[in-house]
Amino acid sequence: MVEKRAELLRQQVLTAWLLSFNAGMVDAIGYLQLGQILLANMSGNTVQVGMAGSAGAWGEALRNLWPVPTFLTGLVVTGLVHEVGRRRRLNWLWTVLLVEALLLASLAALGTTRTGRAGAPTLLLVALGAVAMGMQNASLTHAAGFSIFTTHVTGTLTRFGQSLVAFIFWVRDLHRRAPHRSWAEWARLAAGEQEVREAGLMGGLWTMFLLGTALGAAAHRPWGLAALLLPCGLLFVMALHLRRRPLPPRERMPSSTESLLR
């Protein structure tokens, strides 16, 4: 049972890291090809909306605002699928990743002929990418017992910093009680600490996102939007794997109203 749980946690962590890597690729390719619009990071788009609005560039502001409701659409759709799957004990995550891959493939196919043209086609391309990233962000919100998001890293870095602070005080307190422990003992004890596991997970998410952006930017130079076939392929492989070895649905804690009705 312990080994099975450890294997499940490793699978969750690897899934989260790969999704973060995928988001980094998509964000970089979309930014370079679609007029500096971010498909995964709504904080950056919101900043650009505010800056354009303050300068009176309302067309630019609306252009940067467009990804926000489409990203939200992806979040809501996946949230609904998640809740239905949880209630019926269905393996739904692989389906969401497959739909995300199809949306990005559609973006790549349409973008090879429509990128740069004014009007609806460009808005359609942004919508396809932002909906896909919204779906991903809601697809895996917990891994190894921690809350996570795989399409942006600001919150991830915050959690990483908090975990490091907690770890520093853990080391300080333990050293005061037993100052003569060996390095092997320190490593064994640290491996069992929640703060260490959380710091490793969050640091890995940030690192994988960074590597994804680097690969996405490098692949965009020769291939343009066709570089999106890389994250599409990754998502397709992950979907097939999760169909065979699904992650168990995470149980939602009952609300106070549900508790009263029982």
C-alpha atoms as a PDB file:
ATOM      1  CA  MET A   1       0.000   0.000   0.000  1.00  0.00           C
ATOM      2  CA  VAL A   2       2.802   2.421   0.889  1.00  0.00           C
ATOM      3  CA  GLU A   3       4.667   1.632  -2.343  1.00  0.00           C
ATOM      4  CA  LYS A   4       1.476   2.083  -4.363  1.00  0.00           C
ATOM      5  CA  ARG A   5       0.845   5.476  -2.783  1.00  0.00           C
ATOM      6  CA  ALA A   6       4.454   6.539  -3.429  1.00  0.00           C
ATOM      7  CA  GLU A   7       4.105   5.533  -7.085  1.00  0.00           C
ATOM      8  CA  LEU A   8       0.874   7.515  -7.367  1.00  0.00           C
ATOM      9  CA  LEU A   9       2.531  10.609  -5.896  1.00  0.00           C
ATOM     10  CA  ARG A  10       5.429  10.291  -8.344  1.00  0.00           C
ATOM     11  CA  GLN A  11       2.953  10.010 -11.225  1.00  0.00           C
ATOM     12  CA  GLN A  12       1.120  13.123 -10.037  1.00  0.00           C
ATOM     13  CA  VAL A  13       4.338  15.110  -9.747  1.00  0.00           C
ATOM     14  CA  LEU A  14       5.571  14.027 -13.189  1.00  0.00           C
ATOM     15  CA  THR A  15       2.186  14.877 -14.724  1.00  0.00           C
ATOM     16  CA  ALA A  16       2.256  18.328 -13.132  1.00  0.00           C
ATOM     17  CA  TRP A  17       5.810  19.019 -14.297  1.00  0.00           C
ATOM     18  CA  LEU A  18       5.062  17.936 -17.868  1.00  0.00           C
ATOM     19  CA  LEU A  19       1.943  20.113 -17.989  1.00  0.00           C
ATOM     20  CA  SER A  20       3.957  23.092 -16.747  1.00  0.00           C
ATOM     21  CA  PHE A  21       6.562  22.402 -19.445  1.00  0.00           C
ATOM     22  CA  ASN A  22       3.761  22.233 -22.003  1.00  0.00           C
ATOM     23  CA  ALA A  23       2.302  25.584 -20.871  1.00  0.00           C
ATOM     24  CA  GLY A  24       5.697  27.236 -21.158  1.00  0.00           C
ATOM     25  CA  MET A  25       6.021  26.107 -24.769  1.00  0.00           C
ATOM     26  CA  VAL A  26       2.518  27.285 -25.688  1.00  0.00           C
ATOM     27  CA  ASP A  27       2.935  30.656 -23.968  1.00  0.00           C
ATOM     28  CA  ALA A  28       6.239  31.381 -25.714  1.00  0.00           C
ATOM     29  CA  ILE A  29       5.021  30.339 -29.173  1.00  0.00           C
ATOM     30  CA  GLY A  30       1.768  32.264 -28.812  1.00  0.00           C
ATOM     31  CA  TYR A  31       3.525  35.385 -27.561  1.00  0.00           C
ATOM     32  CA  LEU A  32       5.961  35.404 -30.468  1.00  0.00           C
ATOM     33  CA  GLN A  33       3.385  34.643 -33.155  1.00  0.00           C
ATOM     34  CA  LEU A  34       0.164  36.301 -31.993  1.00  0.00           C
ATOM     35  CA  GLY A  35       1.209  39.890 -31.328  1.00  0.00           C
ATOM     36  CA  GLN A  36       2.674  39.451 -27.827  1.00  0.00           C
ATOM     37  CA  ILE A  37      -0.535  38.007 -26.389  1.00  0.00           C
ATOM     38  CA  LEU A  38      -0.012  35.432 -23.647  1.00  0.00           C
ATOM     39  CA  LEU A  39      -2.189  32.353 -23.972  1.00  0.00           C
ATOM     40  CA  ALA A  40      -1.459  30.888 -20.526  1.00  0.00           C
ATOM     41  CA  ASN A  41      -0.544  33.836 -18.295  1.00  0.00           C
ATOM     42  CA  MET A  42      -3.502  36.133 -17.723  1.00  0.00           C
ATOM     43  CA  SER A  43      -1.549  38.384 -15.340  1.00  0.00           C
ATOM     44  CA  GLY A  44       0.611  39.615 -18.201  1.00  0.00           C
ATOM     45  CA  ASN A  45      -2.418  40.235 -20.403  1.00  0.00           C
ATOM     46  CA  THR A  46      -4.148  42.140 -17.612  1.00  0.00           C
ATOM     47  CA  VAL A  47      -1.100  44.400 -17.210  1.00  0.00           C
ATOM     48  CA  GLN A  48      -1.112  45.108 -20.940  1.00  0.00           C
ATOM     49  CA  VAL A  49      -4.847  45.920 -20.841  1.00  0.00           C
ATOM     50  CA  GLY A  50      -4.287  48.465 -18.093  1.00  0.00           C
ATOM     51  CA  MET A  51      -1.310  50.060 -19.821  1.00  0.00           C
ATOM     52  CA  ALA A  52      -3.095  50.301 -23.176  1.00  0.00           C
ATOM     53  CA  GLY A  53      -6.219  51.695 -21.540  1.00  0.00           C
ATOM     54  CA  SER A  54      -4.256  54.373 -19.686  1.00  0.00           C
ATOM     55  CA  ALA A  55      -2.772  55.472 -23.020  1.00  0.00           C
ATOM     56  CA  GLY A  56      -6.196  55.596 -24.662  1.00  0.00           C
ATOM     57  CA  ALA A  57      -5.372  52.713 -27.012  1.00  0.00           C
ATOM     58  CA  TRP A  58      -8.737  51.046 -26.590  1.00  0.00           C
ATOM     59  CA  GLY A  59      -8.369  48.721 -29.553  1.00  0.00           C
ATOM     60  CA  GLU A  60      -5.107  47.402 -28.110  1.00  0.00           C
ATOM     61  CA  ALA A  61      -6.702  47.107 -24.685  1.00  0.00           C
ATOM     62  CA  LEU A  62      -9.598  45.038 -26.035  1.00  0.00           C
ATOM     63  CA  ARG A  63      -7.194  42.866 -28.021  1.00  0.00           C
ATOM     64  CA  ASN A  64      -5.269  42.018 -24.848  1.00  0.00           C
ATOM     65  CA  LEU A  65      -8.476  41.587 -22.868  1.00  0.00           C
ATOM     66  CA  TRP A  66      -9.870  38.965 -25.261  1.00  0.00           C
ATOM     67  CA  PRO A  67      -7.786  36.037 -23.885  1.00  0.00           C
ATOM     68  CA  VAL A  68      -9.190  36.539 -20.376  1.00  0.00           C
ATOM     69  CA  PRO A  69     -12.836  35.485 -20.993  1.00  0.00           C
ATOM     70  CA  THR A  70     -11.720  32.702 -23.332  1.00  0.00           C
ATOM     71  CA  PHE A  71      -9.280  31.388 -20.708  1.00  0.00           C
ATOM     72  CA  LEU A  72     -12.120  31.565 -18.189  1.00  0.00           C
ATOM     73  CA  THR A  73     -14.289  29.547 -20.572  1.00  0.00           C
ATOM     74  CA  GLY A  74     -11.712  26.763 -20.534  1.00  0.00           C
ATOM     75  CA  LEU A  75     -11.608  26.861 -16.743  1.00  0.00           C
ATOM     76  CA  VAL A  76     -15.392  26.597 -16.448  1.00  0.00           C
ATOM     77  CA  VAL A  77     -15.730  23.812 -19.008  1.00  0.00           C
ATOM     78  CA  THR A  78     -13.073  21.697 -17.327  1.00  0.00           C
ATOM     79  CA  GLY A  79     -14.526  22.469 -13.896  1.00  0.00           C
ATOM     80  CA  LEU A  80     -17.891  21.133 -15.044  1.00  0.00           C
ATOM     81  CA  VAL A  81     -16.283  18.029 -16.543  1.00  0.00           C
ATOM     82  CA  HIS A  82     -14.285  17.533 -13.355  1.00  0.00           C
ATOM     83  CA  GLU A  83     -17.352  17.690 -11.131  1.00  0.00           C
ATOM     84  CA  VAL A  84     -19.334  15.284 -13.318  1.00  0.00           C
ATOM     85  CA  GLY A  85     -16.379  12.912 -13.422  1.00  0.00           C
ATOM     86  CA  ARG A  86     -15.906  13.086  -9.658  1.00  0.00           C
ATOM     87  CA  ARG A  87     -19.542  12.298  -8.981  1.00  0.00           C
ATOM     88  CA  ARG A  88     -19.594   9.376 -11.413  1.00  0.00           C
ATOM     89  CA  ARG A  89     -16.069   8.156 -10.617  1.00  0.00           C
ATOM     90  CA  LEU A  90     -15.025   8.572 -14.266  1.00  0.00           C
ATOM     91  CA  ASN A  91     -11.529   8.804 -15.700  1.00  0.00           C
ATOM     92  CA  TRP A  92     -11.874  12.256 -17.256  1.00  0.00           C
ATOM     93  CA  LEU A  93      -8.392  13.834 -17.162  1.00  0.00           C
ATOM     94  CA  TRP A  94      -7.125  12.072 -20.265  1.00  0.00           C
ATOM     95  CA  THR A  95     -10.140  13.337 -22.227  1.00  0.00           C
ATOM     96  CA  VAL A  96      -9.460  16.951 -21.215  1.00  0.00           C
ATOM     97  CA  LEU A  97      -5.820  16.693 -22.283  1.00  0.00           C
ATOM     98  CA  LEU A  98      -6.853  15.167 -25.605  1.00  0.00           C
ATOM     99  CA  VAL A  99      -9.307  18.018 -26.267  1.00  0.00           C
ATOM    100  CA  GLU A 100      -6.577  20.508 -25.341  1.00  0.00           C
ATOM    101  CA  ALA A 101      -4.240  18.861 -27.855  1.00  0.00           C
ATOM    102  CA  LEU A 102      -6.915  19.096 -30.561  1.00  0.00           C
ATOM    103  CA  LEU A 103      -7.486  22.795 -29.834  1.00  0.00           C
ATOM    104  CA  LEU A 104      -3.770  23.538 -30.106  1.00  0.00           C
ATOM    105  CA  ALA A 105      -3.517  21.475 -33.293  1.00  0.00           C
ATOM    106  CA  SER A 106      -6.399  23.504 -34.742  1.00  0.00           C
ATOM    107  CA  LEU A 107      -4.581  26.701 -33.767  1.00  0.00           C
ATOM    108  CA  ALA A 108      -1.421  25.500 -35.512  1.00  0.00           C
ATOM    109  CA  ALA A 109      -3.316  24.453 -38.659  1.00  0.00           C
ATOM    110  CA  LEU A 110      -5.349  27.659 -38.974  1.00  0.00           C
ATOM    111  CA  GLY A 111      -2.467  29.876 -37.954  1.00  0.00           C
ATOM    112  CA  THR A 112      -0.239  28.824 -40.821  1.00  0.00           C
ATOM    113  CA  THR A 113      -2.570  30.673 -43.203  1.00  0.00           C
ATOM    114  CA  ARG A 114      -4.357  33.246 -41.044  1.00  0.00           C
ATOM    115  CA  THR A 115      -1.770  34.703 -38.644  1.00  0.00           C
ATOM    116  CA  GLY A 116      -1.380  38.440 -38.965  1.00  0.00           C
ATOM    117  CA  ARG A 117      -4.654  39.124 -40.717  1.00  0.00           C
ATOM    118  CA  ALA A 118      -6.971  41.587 -39.012  1.00  0.00           C
ATOM    119  CA  GLY A 119     -10.301  40.736 -37.406  1.00  0.00           C
ATOM    120  CA  ALA A 120     -11.997  37.530 -36.415  1.00  0.00           C
ATOM    121  CA  PRO A 121      -9.399  35.010 -37.640  1.00  0.00           C
ATOM    122  CA  THR A 122      -6.743  36.320 -35.257  1.00  0.00           C
ATOM    123  CA  LEU A 123      -9.298  36.470 -32.429  1.00  0.00           C
ATOM    124  CA  LEU A 124     -10.187  32.877 -33.211  1.00  0.00           C
ATOM    125  CA  LEU A 125      -6.563  31.788 -32.960  1.00  0.00           C
ATOM    126  CA  VAL A 126      -6.162  33.473 -29.582  1.00  0.00           C
ATOM    127  CA  ALA A 127      -9.419  31.939 -28.350  1.00  0.00           C
ATOM    128  CA  LEU A 128      -8.328  28.431 -29.339  1.00  0.00           C
ATOM    129  CA  GLY A 129      -5.067  28.777 -27.427  1.00  0.00           C
ATOM    130  CA  ALA A 130      -6.513  30.512 -24.367  1.00  0.00           C
ATOM    131  CA  VAL A 131      -9.384  28.027 -24.006  1.00  0.00           C
ATOM    132  CA  ALA A 132      -6.850  25.185 -24.228  1.00  0.00           C
ATOM    133  CA  MET A 133      -4.696  26.744 -21.513  1.00  0.00           C
ATOM    134  CA  GLY A 134      -7.726  27.420 -19.311  1.00  0.00           C
ATOM    135  CA  MET A 135      -8.685  23.775 -19.631  1.00  0.00           C
ATOM    136  CA  GLN A 136      -5.181  22.723 -18.648  1.00  0.00           C
ATOM    137  CA  ASN A 137      -5.046  25.033 -15.649  1.00  0.00           C
ATOM    138  CA  ALA A 138      -8.188  23.436 -14.217  1.00  0.00           C
ATOM    139  CA  SER A 139      -7.296  19.889 -15.229  1.00  0.00           C
ATOM    140  CA  LEU A 140      -4.792  19.134 -12.463  1.00  0.00           C
ATOM    141  CA  THR A 141      -5.126  21.406  -9.449  1.00  0.00           C
ATOM    142  CA  HIS A 142      -3.606  19.038  -6.866  1.00  0.00           C
ATOM    143  CA  ALA A 143      -0.479  16.889  -6.964  1.00  0.00           C
ATOM    144  CA  ALA A 144       1.277  15.023  -4.161  1.00  0.00           C
ATOM    145  CA  GLY A 145      -1.097  16.584  -1.650  1.00  0.00           C
ATOM    146  CA  PHE A 146      -0.479  20.213  -2.653  1.00  0.00           C
ATOM    147  CA  SER A 147      -2.551  22.743  -4.574  1.00  0.00           C
ATOM    148  CA  ILE A 148      -0.915  23.608  -7.889  1.00  0.00           C
ATOM    149  CA  PHE A 149      -1.502  25.445 -11.154  1.00  0.00           C
ATOM    150  CA  THR A 150       0.386  24.535 -14.294  1.00  0.00           C
ATOM    151  CA  THR A 151      -0.028  27.553 -16.595  1.00  0.00           C
ATOM    152  CA  HIS A 152       1.523  30.358 -14.506  1.00  0.00           C
ATOM    153  CA  VAL A 153       4.342  30.529 -11.983  1.00  0.00           C
ATOM    154  CA  THR A 154       3.821  33.591  -9.761  1.00  0.00           C
ATOM    155  CA  GLY A 155       1.850  31.637  -7.176  1.00  0.00           C
ATOM    156  CA  THR A 156       4.259  28.733  -7.599  1.00  0.00           C
ATOM    157  CA  LEU A 157       7.241  30.934  -6.718  1.00  0.00           C
ATOM    158  CA  THR A 158       5.337  32.315  -3.726  1.00  0.00           C
ATOM    159  CA  ARG A 159       4.704  28.816  -2.431  1.00  0.00           C
ATOM    160  CA  PHE A 160       8.325  27.884  -3.134  1.00  0.00           C
ATOM    161  CA  GLY A 161       9.546  30.819  -1.050  1.00  0.00           C
ATOM    162  CA  GLN A 162       7.192  29.979   1.807  1.00  0.00           C
ATOM    163  CA  SER A 163       8.382  26.382   1.792  1.00  0.00           C
ATOM    164  CA  LEU A 164      12.019  27.487   1.878  1.00  0.00           C
ATOM    165  CA  VAL A 165      11.368  29.708   4.898  1.00  0.00           C
ATOM    166  CA  ALA A 166       9.638  26.840   6.699  1.00  0.00           C
ATOM    167  CA  PHE A 167      12.523  24.522   5.796  1.00  0.00           C
ATOM    168  CA  ILE A 168      15.118  26.967   7.118  1.00  0.00           C
ATOM    169  CA  PHE A 169      13.392  27.121  10.494  1.00  0.00           C
ATOM    170  CA  TRP A 170      12.990  23.326  10.513  1.00  0.00           C
ATOM    171  CA  VAL A 171      16.745  22.946  10.020  1.00  0.00           C
ATOM    172  CA  ARG A 172      17.440  25.536  12.724  1.00  0.00           C
ATOM    173  CA  ASP A 173      15.168  23.900  15.293  1.00  0.00           C
ATOM    174  CA  LEU A 174      16.382  20.379  14.562  1.00  0.00           C
ATOM    175  CA  HIS A 175      20.025  21.448  14.693  1.00  0.00           C
ATOM    176  CA  ARG A 176      19.484  22.960  18.131  1.00  0.00           C
ATOM    177  CA  ARG A 177      18.029  19.713  19.440  1.00  0.00           C
ATOM    178  CA  ALA A 178      20.553  17.391  17.778  1.00  0.00           C
ATOM    179  CA  PRO A 179      23.556  19.306  16.381  1.00  0.00           C
ATOM    180  CA  HIS A 180      25.709  16.266  15.573  1.00  0.00           C
ATOM    181  CA  ARG A 181      23.604  14.464  12.983  1.00  0.00           C
ATOM    182  CA  SER A 182      25.319  13.099   9.891  1.00  0.00           C
ATOM    183  CA  TRP A 183      24.570  14.303   6.380  1.00  0.00           C
ATOM    184  CA  ALA A 184      22.832  10.989   5.671  1.00  0.00           C
ATOM    185  CA  GLU A 185      20.530  11.514   8.657  1.00  0.00           C
ATOM    186  CA  TRP A 186      19.746  15.059   7.544  1.00  0.00           C
ATOM    187  CA  ALA A 187      18.877  13.828   4.054  1.00  0.00           C
ATOM    188  CA  ARG A 188      16.664  11.025   5.394  1.00  0.00           C
ATOM    189  CA  LEU A 189      14.766  13.349   7.719  1.00  0.00           C
ATOM    190  CA  ALA A 190      14.416  16.090   5.108  1.00  0.00           C
ATOM    191  CA  ALA A 191      12.928  13.653   2.580  1.00  0.00           C
ATOM    192  CA  GLY A 192      10.014  13.063   4.935  1.00  0.00           C
ATOM    193  CA  GLU A 193       9.265  16.731   5.570  1.00  0.00           C
ATOM    194  CA  GLN A 194       6.258  18.337   3.908  1.00  0.00           C
ATOM    195  CA  GLU A 195       8.108  21.611   3.344  1.00  0.00           C
ATOM    196  CA  VAL A 196      10.875  19.844   1.434  1.00  0.00           C
ATOM    197  CA  ARG A 197       8.441  17.944  -0.776  1.00  0.00           C
ATOM    198  CA  GLU A 198       6.468  21.110  -1.490  1.00  0.00           C
ATOM    199  CA  ALA A 199       9.607  23.110  -2.295  1.00  0.00           C
ATOM    200  CA  GLY A 200      10.740  20.368  -4.677  1.00  0.00           C
ATOM    201  CA  LEU A 201       7.377  20.260  -6.427  1.00  0.00           C
ATOM    202  CA  MET A 202       7.096  24.046  -6.766  1.00  0.00           C
ATOM    203  CA  GLY A 203      10.711  24.495  -7.812  1.00  0.00           C
ATOM    204  CA  GLY A 204      10.210  21.785 -10.420  1.00  0.00           C
ATOM    205  CA  LEU A 205       7.079  23.476 -11.774  1.00  0.00           C
ATOM    206  CA  TRP A 206       8.927  26.774 -12.230  1.00  0.00           C
ATOM    207  CA  THR A 207      11.954  25.075 -13.807  1.00  0.00           C
ATOM    208  CA  MET A 208       9.837  23.060 -16.238  1.00  0.00           C
ATOM    209  CA  PHE A 209       7.879  26.170 -17.266  1.00  0.00           C
ATOM    210  CA  LEU A 210      11.162  27.980 -17.914  1.00  0.00           C
ATOM    211  CA  LEU A 211      12.525  25.085 -19.978  1.00  0.00           C
ATOM    212  CA  GLY A 212       9.257  24.943 -21.907  1.00  0.00           C
ATOM    213  CA  THR A 213       9.448  28.630 -22.825  1.00  0.00           C
ATOM    214  CA  ALA A 214      13.048  28.205 -23.975  1.00  0.00           C
ATOM    215  CA  LEU A 215      12.182  25.219 -26.172  1.00  0.00           C
ATOM    216  CA  GLY A 216       9.052  26.929 -27.496  1.00  0.00           C
ATOM    217  CA  ALA A 217      10.973  30.056 -28.481  1.00  0.00           C
ATOM    218  CA  ALA A 218      13.725  27.993 -30.108  1.00  0.00           C
ATOM    219  CA  ALA A 219      11.229  25.871 -32.045  1.00  0.00           C
ATOM    220  CA  HIS A 220       9.264  28.939 -33.157  1.00  0.00           C
ATOM    221  CA  ARG A 221      12.201  30.435 -35.019  1.00  0.00           C
ATOM    222  CA  PRO A 222      12.270  27.799 -37.789  1.00  0.00           C
ATOM    223  CA  TRP A 223       8.676  26.515 -37.593  1.00  0.00           C
ATOM    224  CA  GLY A 224       6.388  29.368 -36.488  1.00  0.00           C
ATOM    225  CA  LEU A 225       3.017  28.199 -35.190  1.00  0.00           C
ATOM    226  CA  ALA A 226       3.778  24.706 -36.463  1.00  0.00           C
ATOM    227  CA  ALA A 227       5.978  24.443 -33.361  1.00  0.00           C
ATOM    228  CA  LEU A 228       2.727  23.920 -31.436  1.00  0.00           C
ATOM    229  CA  LEU A 229       2.826  20.364 -32.719  1.00  0.00           C
ATOM    230  CA  LEU A 230       5.428  19.700 -30.004  1.00  0.00           C
ATOM    231  CA  PRO A 231       3.075  20.434 -27.068  1.00  0.00           C
ATOM    232  CA  CYS A 232       0.262  18.720 -29.007  1.00  0.00           C
ATOM    233  CA  GLY A 233       2.328  15.551 -29.230  1.00  0.00           C
ATOM    234  CA  LEU A 234       3.239  15.730 -25.559  1.00  0.00           C
ATOM    235  CA  LEU A 235      -0.400  16.114 -24.550  1.00  0.00           C
ATOM    236  CA  PHE A 236      -1.443  13.238 -26.792  1.00  0.00           C
ATOM    237  CA  VAL A 237       1.133  10.895 -25.240  1.00  0.00           C
ATOM    238  CA  MET A 238       0.108  11.982 -21.733  1.00  0.00           C
ATOM    239  CA  ALA A 239      -3.574  11.420 -22.553  1.00  0.00           C
ATOM    240  CA  LEU A 240      -2.871   7.883 -23.742  1.00  0.00           C
ATOM    241  CA  HIS A 241      -0.814   7.152 -20.625  1.00  0.00           C
ATOM    242  CA  LEU A 242      -3.468   8.531 -18.267  1.00  0.00           C
ATOM    243  CA  ARG A 243      -6.150   6.534 -20.018  1.00  0.00           C
ATOM    244  CA  ARG A 244      -4.252   3.352 -19.174  1.00  0.00           C
ATOM    245  CA  ARG A 245      -3.078   4.483 -15.718  1.00  0.00           C
ATOM    246  CA  PRO A 246      -5.547   7.141 -14.538  1.00  0.00           C
ATOM    247  CA  LEU A 247      -4.997   9.361 -11.543  1.00  0.00           C
ATOM    248  CA  PRO A 248      -7.759   8.787  -8.976  1.00  0.00           C
ATOM    249  CA  PRO A 249     -10.342  11.586  -8.786  1.00  0.00           C
ATOM    250  CA  ARG A 250      -9.731  13.940  -5.897  1.00  0.00           C
ATOM    251  CA  GLU A 251     -12.576  13.960  -3.411  1.00  0.00           C
ATOM    252  CA  ARG A 252     -14.144  17.330  -2.684  1.00  0.00           C
ATOM    253  CA  MET A 253     -14.644  18.227   0.973  1.00  0.00           C
ATOM    254  CA  PRO A 254     -18.363  18.505   1.822  1.00  0.00           C
ATOM    255  CA  SER A 255     -19.707  22.008   2.372  1.00  0.00           C
ATOM    256  CA  SER A 256     -21.400  23.055   5.598  1.00  0.00           C
ATOM    257  CA  THR A 257     -24.776  22.831   3.840  1.00  0.00           C
ATOM    258  CA  GLU A 258     -24.093  19.270   2.686  1.00  0.00           C
ATOM    259  CA  SER A 259     -22.995  18.332   6.196  1.00  0.00           C
ATOM    260  CA  LEU A 260     -26.262  19.636   7.631  1.00  0.00           C
ATOM    261  CA  LEU A 261     -28.288  17.680   5.067  1.00  0.00           C
ATOM    262  CA  ARG A 262     -26.673  14.398   6.056  1.00  0.00           C
END
